[in-house]
Amino acid sequence: MDRSLRWGRELLFDKKANPKTKEAIMVILAHIPSKAALSILERYNTMPDRELEIFAQIALNECEMWNW
């Protein structure tokens, strides 16, 4: 996994990170055609921040399309 994906993963799972930051990370991850990005979004969707549940599902769906 490259450094930018690790950085995004760390922020996405950081409970102190701003929700808008997490939204931006999900948008970026959703458009990366890689199994690593897909894996990060799948994992996040198992326990997303409550206010980001719908956003997380949309990002995962988008990433699945890019990785089809």
C-alpha atoms as a PDB file:
ATOM      1  CA  MET A   1       0.000   0.000   0.000  1.00  0.00           C
ATOM      2  CA  ASP A   2       1.441   3.352  -0.947  1.00  0.00           C
ATOM      3  CA  ARG A   3       1.994   6.209   1.472  1.00  0.00           C
ATOM      4  CA  SER A   4      -1.015   8.291   0.380  1.00  0.00           C
ATOM      5  CA  LEU A   5      -3.393   5.365   0.938  1.00  0.00           C
ATOM      6  CA  ARG A   6      -1.914   4.745   4.391  1.00  0.00           C
ATOM      7  CA  TRP A   7      -2.296   8.439   5.231  1.00  0.00           C
ATOM      8  CA  GLY A   8      -5.936   8.413   4.079  1.00  0.00           C
ATOM      9  CA  ARG A   9      -6.667   5.243   6.024  1.00  0.00           C
ATOM     10  CA  GLU A  10      -5.165   6.677   9.194  1.00  0.00           C
ATOM     11  CA  LEU A  11      -7.254   9.855   8.963  1.00  0.00           C
ATOM     12  CA  LEU A  12     -10.432   7.978   8.052  1.00  0.00           C
ATOM     13  CA  PHE A  13     -10.166   5.820  11.177  1.00  0.00           C
ATOM     14  CA  ASP A  14      -9.090   8.695  13.444  1.00  0.00           C
ATOM     15  CA  LYS A  15     -12.018   9.426  15.766  1.00  0.00           C
ATOM     16  CA  LYS A  16     -10.781  13.016  16.183  1.00  0.00           C
ATOM     17  CA  ALA A  17     -10.675  13.792  12.453  1.00  0.00           C
ATOM     18  CA  ASN A  18     -13.167  16.321  11.120  1.00  0.00           C
ATOM     19  CA  PRO A  19     -16.151  14.738   9.290  1.00  0.00           C
ATOM     20  CA  LYS A  20     -15.529  16.991   6.257  1.00  0.00           C
ATOM     21  CA  THR A  21     -11.957  15.691   6.116  1.00  0.00           C
ATOM     22  CA  LYS A  22     -13.285  12.149   6.191  1.00  0.00           C
ATOM     23  CA  GLU A  23     -15.738  12.959   3.390  1.00  0.00           C
ATOM     24  CA  ALA A  24     -12.878  14.296   1.260  1.00  0.00           C
ATOM     25  CA  ILE A  25     -10.812  11.174   1.928  1.00  0.00           C
ATOM     26  CA  MET A  26     -13.722   8.939   0.961  1.00  0.00           C
ATOM     27  CA  VAL A  27     -14.236  10.846  -2.302  1.00  0.00           C
ATOM     28  CA  ILE A  28     -10.563  10.388  -3.150  1.00  0.00           C
ATOM     29  CA  LEU A  29     -10.531   6.712  -2.188  1.00  0.00           C
ATOM     30  CA  ALA A  30     -13.756   6.083  -4.103  1.00  0.00           C
ATOM     31  CA  HIS A  31     -12.065   7.088  -7.356  1.00  0.00           C
ATOM     32  CA  ILE A  32      -8.868   5.079  -6.987  1.00  0.00           C
ATOM     33  CA  PRO A  33      -8.992   1.860  -8.989  1.00  0.00           C
ATOM     34  CA  SER A  34      -7.139  -0.307  -6.475  1.00  0.00           C
ATOM     35  CA  LYS A  35      -8.015  -3.176  -4.213  1.00  0.00           C
ATOM     36  CA  ALA A  36      -6.319  -1.347  -1.325  1.00  0.00           C
ATOM     37  CA  ALA A  37      -8.690   1.642  -1.615  1.00  0.00           C
ATOM     38  CA  LEU A  38     -11.647  -0.714  -1.885  1.00  0.00           C
ATOM     39  CA  SER A  39     -10.485  -2.615   1.188  1.00  0.00           C
ATOM     40  CA  ILE A  40     -10.169   0.587   3.240  1.00  0.00           C
ATOM     41  CA  LEU A  41     -13.709   1.671   2.336  1.00  0.00           C
ATOM     42  CA  GLU A  42     -15.106  -1.814   2.993  1.00  0.00           C
ATOM     43  CA  ARG A  43     -13.503  -1.825   6.423  1.00  0.00           C
ATOM     44  CA  TYR A  44     -14.711   1.699   7.237  1.00  0.00           C
ATOM     45  CA  ASN A  45     -18.252   0.722   6.227  1.00  0.00           C
ATOM     46  CA  THR A  46     -18.343  -1.966   8.921  1.00  0.00           C
ATOM     47  CA  MET A  47     -18.333   0.780  11.598  1.00  0.00           C
ATOM     48  CA  PRO A  48     -18.629   4.238  10.014  1.00  0.00           C
ATOM     49  CA  ASP A  49     -19.078   7.415  12.004  1.00  0.00           C
ATOM     50  CA  ARG A  50     -22.810   7.745  12.521  1.00  0.00           C
ATOM     51  CA  GLU A  51     -23.133  11.014  10.603  1.00  0.00           C
ATOM     52  CA  LEU A  52     -21.197   9.543   7.659  1.00  0.00           C
ATOM     53  CA  GLU A  53     -23.025   6.238   7.206  1.00  0.00           C
ATOM     54  CA  ILE A  54     -24.782   7.166   3.955  1.00  0.00           C
ATOM     55  CA  PHE A  55     -21.733   8.987   2.580  1.00  0.00           C
ATOM     56  CA  ALA A  56     -19.552   5.962   3.375  1.00  0.00           C
ATOM     57  CA  GLN A  57     -21.918   3.602   1.552  1.00  0.00           C
ATOM     58  CA  ILE A  58     -22.005   5.833  -1.521  1.00  0.00           C
ATOM     59  CA  ALA A  59     -18.191   6.031  -1.544  1.00  0.00           C
ATOM     60  CA  LEU A  60     -17.956   2.251  -1.283  1.00  0.00           C
ATOM     61  CA  ASN A  61     -20.422   1.776  -4.154  1.00  0.00           C
ATOM     62  CA  GLU A  62     -18.439   4.206  -6.298  1.00  0.00           C
ATOM     63  CA  CYS A  63     -15.166   2.461  -5.514  1.00  0.00           C
ATOM     64  CA  GLU A  64     -16.698  -0.899  -6.401  1.00  0.00           C
ATOM     65  CA  MET A  65     -17.602   0.498  -9.833  1.00  0.00           C
ATOM     66  CA  TRP A  66     -14.035   1.752 -10.377  1.00  0.00           C
ATOM     67  CA  ASN A  67     -12.708  -1.664  -9.374  1.00  0.00           C
ATOM     68  CA  TRP A  68     -15.092  -3.796 -11.374  1.00  0.00           C
END
